[in-house]
Amino acid sequence: IFVILANNNLWRKSRKPNPSNIACIGTDLNRNYDDHHCGEGTSNDTCSHVYCGTAPFDNEETLNLKRFTQQLVGSGEILLSQVDVHAYGQFWMSPWG
């Protein structure tokens, strides 16, 4: 899904509302995994562009990647890599990037 925001074309977070602060929307999905969750380089501030979420995989996007990976591994498949691409700042990033 592509979301174009007229007033902020450098949006990097999900669009999930944060119940604790409805003015600040989204979670940085690159920081929403369970490895080093909310550690160095992240923030617990819902308004931060590096907000990690309330818990690992608390966004549908990261949870679905987790489920897909578990399904592959459970069926005997081998996952060679996962690549997450977004265009914020013209960086190529991966989880815990």
N, C-alpha and C. Protein backbone atom coordinates (compact mmCIF):
# COMPACT_ATOMS: atom_id res chain seq x y z
N ILE A 1 0.85 -1.17 0.00
CA ILE A 1 0.00 0.00 0.00
C ILE A 1 0.90 1.23 0.00
N PHE A 2 0.63 2.14 -0.88
CA PHE A 2 1.38 3.37 -0.94
C PHE A 2 0.55 4.51 -0.37
N VAL A 3 1.12 5.24 0.55
CA VAL A 3 0.45 6.38 1.15
C VAL A 3 1.25 7.62 0.80
N ILE A 4 0.62 8.57 0.17
CA ILE A 4 1.30 9.82 -0.17
C ILE A 4 0.69 10.90 0.71
N LEU A 5 1.54 11.55 1.46
CA LEU A 5 1.10 12.60 2.34
C LEU A 5 1.52 13.95 1.75
N ALA A 6 0.58 14.78 1.45
CA ALA A 6 0.88 16.06 0.80
C ALA A 6 1.77 16.95 1.66
N ASN A 7 1.64 16.88 2.97
CA ASN A 7 2.42 17.76 3.83
C ASN A 7 3.68 17.12 4.39
N ASN A 8 3.93 15.84 4.12
CA ASN A 8 5.13 15.17 4.64
C ASN A 8 5.48 13.98 3.75
N ASN A 9 6.22 14.24 2.68
CA ASN A 9 6.55 13.14 1.78
C ASN A 9 7.73 12.31 2.26
N LEU A 10 8.25 12.59 3.45
CA LEU A 10 9.31 11.76 4.03
C LEU A 10 8.78 10.89 5.17
N TRP A 11 7.47 10.61 5.16
CA TRP A 11 6.87 9.78 6.20
C TRP A 11 7.52 8.41 6.19
N ARG A 12 7.96 7.90 7.34
CA ARG A 12 8.65 6.62 7.39
C ARG A 12 7.98 5.61 8.31
N LYS A 13 6.95 6.01 9.02
CA LYS A 13 6.32 5.12 9.99
C LYS A 13 5.07 4.48 9.43
N SER A 14 4.58 3.46 10.14
CA SER A 14 3.31 2.85 9.76
C SER A 14 2.21 3.89 9.95
N ARG A 15 1.00 3.52 9.63
CA ARG A 15 -0.14 4.43 9.81
C ARG A 15 -1.04 3.99 10.95
N LYS A 16 -0.55 3.07 11.79
CA LYS A 16 -1.33 2.59 12.92
C LYS A 16 -1.47 3.69 13.97
N PRO A 17 -2.69 4.03 14.38
CA PRO A 17 -2.87 5.02 15.42
C PRO A 17 -2.26 4.56 16.75
N ASN A 18 -1.73 5.47 17.50
CA ASN A 18 -1.19 5.17 18.82
C ASN A 18 -2.20 5.62 19.87
N PRO A 19 -2.88 4.68 20.53
CA PRO A 19 -3.94 5.03 21.48
C PRO A 19 -3.49 5.98 22.59
N SER A 20 -2.21 5.90 22.98
CA SER A 20 -1.74 6.76 24.07
C SER A 20 -1.52 8.21 23.63
N ASN A 21 -1.46 8.43 22.31
CA ASN A 21 -1.26 9.79 21.80
C ASN A 21 -1.81 9.83 20.37
N ILE A 22 -3.07 10.19 20.23
CA ILE A 22 -3.72 10.15 18.91
C ILE A 22 -3.17 11.18 17.94
N ALA A 23 -2.42 12.16 18.45
CA ALA A 23 -1.84 13.17 17.57
C ALA A 23 -0.60 12.64 16.84
N CYS A 24 0.01 11.58 17.38
CA CYS A 24 1.24 11.03 16.80
C CYS A 24 0.95 9.62 16.28
N ILE A 25 0.95 9.48 14.98
CA ILE A 25 0.57 8.23 14.33
C ILE A 25 1.80 7.44 13.92
N GLY A 26 1.73 6.13 14.08
CA GLY A 26 2.69 5.24 13.46
C GLY A 26 3.83 4.75 14.33
N THR A 27 4.45 3.70 13.81
CA THR A 27 5.60 3.03 14.41
C THR A 27 6.64 2.85 13.32
N ASP A 28 7.92 3.02 13.68
CA ASP A 28 8.99 2.73 12.73
C ASP A 28 9.08 1.20 12.63
N LEU A 29 8.64 0.65 11.52
CA LEU A 29 8.56 -0.80 11.38
C LEU A 29 9.93 -1.47 11.41
N ASN A 30 10.98 -0.77 11.04
CA ASN A 30 12.32 -1.35 11.13
C ASN A 30 12.74 -1.60 12.57
N ARG A 31 12.08 -0.95 13.51
CA ARG A 31 12.41 -1.09 14.93
C ARG A 31 11.31 -1.83 15.69
N ASN A 32 10.43 -2.52 14.98
CA ASN A 32 9.30 -3.20 15.60
C ASN A 32 9.49 -4.72 15.63
N TYR A 33 10.72 -5.17 15.54
CA TYR A 33 11.05 -6.59 15.64
C TYR A 33 11.48 -6.89 17.07
N ASP A 34 11.65 -8.18 17.40
CA ASP A 34 11.99 -8.52 18.79
C ASP A 34 13.48 -8.47 19.09
N ASP A 35 14.33 -8.40 18.11
CA ASP A 35 15.78 -8.30 18.35
C ASP A 35 16.13 -6.86 18.74
N HIS A 36 16.58 -6.67 19.96
CA HIS A 36 16.92 -5.34 20.49
C HIS A 36 15.73 -4.39 20.51
N HIS A 37 14.53 -4.91 20.73
CA HIS A 37 13.34 -4.05 20.69
C HIS A 37 13.45 -2.90 21.68
N CYS A 38 13.21 -1.71 21.21
CA CYS A 38 13.26 -0.47 22.01
C CYS A 38 14.62 -0.26 22.66
N GLY A 39 15.66 -0.72 22.03
CA GLY A 39 17.01 -0.52 22.55
C GLY A 39 17.63 0.74 21.97
N GLU A 40 18.93 0.75 21.89
CA GLU A 40 19.67 1.90 21.38
C GLU A 40 19.22 2.25 19.96
N GLY A 41 19.04 3.52 19.70
CA GLY A 41 18.64 3.98 18.37
C GLY A 41 17.14 4.00 18.17
N THR A 42 16.38 3.78 19.24
CA THR A 42 14.92 3.80 19.16
C THR A 42 14.38 4.81 20.18
N SER A 43 13.07 4.95 20.18
CA SER A 43 12.43 5.84 21.14
C SER A 43 11.10 5.27 21.60
N ASN A 44 10.74 5.56 22.82
CA ASN A 44 9.42 5.21 23.35
C ASN A 44 8.43 6.35 23.16
N ASP A 45 8.88 7.43 22.58
CA ASP A 45 8.05 8.61 22.31
C ASP A 45 7.27 8.37 21.03
N THR A 46 5.95 8.32 21.12
CA THR A 46 5.12 8.02 19.94
C THR A 46 5.29 9.04 18.83
N CYS A 47 5.76 10.24 19.15
CA CYS A 47 5.95 11.27 18.13
C CYS A 47 7.30 11.16 17.42
N SER A 48 8.20 10.35 17.94
CA SER A 48 9.52 10.21 17.35
C SER A 48 9.47 9.43 16.05
N HIS A 49 10.34 9.77 15.10
CA HIS A 49 10.38 9.02 13.83
C HIS A 49 11.03 7.65 14.02
N VAL A 50 11.61 7.37 15.18
CA VAL A 50 12.18 6.05 15.47
C VAL A 50 11.42 5.36 16.61
N TYR A 51 10.13 5.69 16.75
CA TYR A 51 9.28 5.05 17.77
C TYR A 51 9.19 3.56 17.46
N CYS A 52 9.47 2.73 18.49
CA CYS A 52 9.57 1.27 18.29
C CYS A 52 8.28 0.52 18.52
N GLY A 53 7.23 1.18 18.98
CA GLY A 53 5.98 0.50 19.28
C GLY A 53 5.91 0.08 20.72
N THR A 54 4.76 -0.43 21.13
CA THR A 54 4.59 -0.83 22.52
C THR A 54 5.18 -2.21 22.82
N ALA A 55 5.33 -3.03 21.79
CA ALA A 55 5.87 -4.38 21.94
C ALA A 55 6.37 -4.86 20.58
N PRO A 56 7.28 -5.84 20.56
CA PRO A 56 7.70 -6.39 19.27
C PRO A 56 6.50 -6.93 18.49
N PHE A 57 6.48 -6.68 17.22
CA PHE A 57 5.45 -7.19 16.32
C PHE A 57 4.04 -6.69 16.67
N ASP A 58 3.93 -5.50 17.24
CA ASP A 58 2.59 -4.99 17.57
C ASP A 58 1.93 -4.28 16.38
N ASN A 59 2.59 -4.29 15.24
CA ASN A 59 2.01 -3.77 14.00
C ASN A 59 1.76 -4.93 13.05
N GLU A 60 0.67 -4.87 12.31
CA GLU A 60 0.30 -5.97 11.41
C GLU A 60 1.40 -6.28 10.39
N GLU A 61 2.10 -5.26 9.93
CA GLU A 61 3.13 -5.48 8.90
C GLU A 61 4.24 -6.39 9.41
N THR A 62 4.79 -6.08 10.59
CA THR A 62 5.87 -6.91 11.12
C THR A 62 5.35 -8.26 11.62
N LEU A 63 4.15 -8.27 12.18
CA LEU A 63 3.56 -9.53 12.64
C LEU A 63 3.33 -10.49 11.47
N ASN A 64 2.87 -9.98 10.34
CA ASN A 64 2.66 -10.84 9.17
C ASN A 64 3.98 -11.37 8.62
N LEU A 65 5.05 -10.57 8.65
CA LEU A 65 6.35 -11.08 8.22
C LEU A 65 6.83 -12.19 9.16
N LYS A 66 6.60 -12.01 10.46
CA LYS A 66 6.97 -13.04 11.43
C LYS A 66 6.20 -14.33 11.15
N ARG A 67 4.90 -14.22 10.97
CA ARG A 67 4.06 -15.41 10.72
C ARG A 67 4.48 -16.11 9.43
N PHE A 68 4.74 -15.32 8.38
CA PHE A 68 5.16 -15.88 7.10
C PHE A 68 6.47 -16.64 7.25
N THR A 69 7.42 -16.06 7.97
CA THR A 69 8.72 -16.70 8.18
C THR A 69 8.54 -17.99 8.98
N GLN A 70 7.73 -17.95 10.03
CA GLN A 70 7.50 -19.15 10.85
C GLN A 70 6.84 -20.24 10.02
N GLN A 71 5.92 -19.86 9.13
CA GLN A 71 5.24 -20.83 8.27
C GLN A 71 6.25 -21.48 7.32
N LEU A 72 7.14 -20.69 6.74
CA LEU A 72 8.16 -21.25 5.84
C LEU A 72 9.06 -22.23 6.57
N VAL A 73 9.57 -21.79 7.71
CA VAL A 73 10.48 -22.64 8.48
C VAL A 73 9.77 -23.89 8.96
N GLY A 74 8.52 -23.74 9.39
CA GLY A 74 7.74 -24.88 9.87
C GLY A 74 7.46 -25.91 8.79
N SER A 75 7.44 -25.48 7.54
CA SER A 75 7.18 -26.41 6.44
C SER A 75 8.47 -26.95 5.83
N GLY A 76 9.60 -26.63 6.46
CA GLY A 76 10.88 -27.15 5.99
C GLY A 76 11.56 -26.28 4.95
N GLU A 77 11.00 -25.16 4.62
CA GLU A 77 11.63 -24.25 3.66
C GLU A 77 12.78 -23.51 4.33
N ILE A 78 13.65 -22.98 3.50
CA ILE A 78 14.79 -22.21 3.99
C ILE A 78 14.61 -20.76 3.54
N LEU A 79 14.63 -19.86 4.49
CA LEU A 79 14.53 -18.44 4.18
C LEU A 79 15.95 -17.90 4.09
N LEU A 80 16.35 -17.46 2.89
CA LEU A 80 17.72 -16.99 2.70
C LEU A 80 17.90 -15.54 3.12
N SER A 81 16.89 -14.72 2.89
CA SER A 81 17.00 -13.33 3.31
C SER A 81 15.64 -12.66 3.32
N GLN A 82 15.59 -11.57 4.02
CA GLN A 82 14.42 -10.70 4.01
C GLN A 82 14.94 -9.30 3.78
N VAL A 83 14.38 -8.59 2.84
CA VAL A 83 14.81 -7.23 2.55
C VAL A 83 13.62 -6.31 2.69
N ASP A 84 13.80 -5.26 3.47
CA ASP A 84 12.78 -4.25 3.69
C ASP A 84 13.28 -2.96 3.06
N VAL A 85 12.55 -2.44 2.11
CA VAL A 85 13.00 -1.23 1.41
C VAL A 85 12.00 -0.11 1.62
N HIS A 86 12.50 1.03 2.00
CA HIS A 86 11.68 2.24 2.00
C HIS A 86 12.56 3.40 1.59
N ALA A 87 11.95 4.50 1.25
CA ALA A 87 12.69 5.58 0.59
C ALA A 87 13.02 6.76 1.49
N TYR A 88 12.76 6.69 2.77
CA TYR A 88 13.03 7.82 3.65
C TYR A 88 14.52 8.15 3.62
N GLY A 89 14.85 9.35 3.25
CA GLY A 89 16.24 9.78 3.25
C GLY A 89 17.11 9.08 2.22
N GLN A 90 16.51 8.34 1.32
CA GLN A 90 17.22 7.61 0.28
C GLN A 90 18.21 6.60 0.86
N PHE A 91 17.81 5.95 1.97
CA PHE A 91 18.62 4.91 2.58
C PHE A 91 18.09 3.53 2.24
N TRP A 92 18.95 2.56 2.15
CA TRP A 92 18.56 1.16 2.03
C TRP A 92 18.69 0.59 3.43
N MET A 93 17.59 0.17 4.04
CA MET A 93 17.61 -0.26 5.43
C MET A 93 17.02 -1.64 5.60
N SER A 94 17.40 -2.31 6.66
CA SER A 94 16.82 -3.60 7.03
C SER A 94 16.54 -3.55 8.52
N PRO A 95 15.79 -4.53 9.05
CA PRO A 95 15.52 -4.50 10.49
C PRO A 95 16.82 -4.36 11.28
N TRP A 96 16.73 -3.55 12.30
CA TRP A 96 17.88 -3.16 13.11
C TRP A 96 18.98 -2.61 12.22
N GLY A 97 18.55 -1.72 11.27
CA GLY A 97 19.47 -1.15 10.28
C GLY A 97 20.16 0.06 10.77
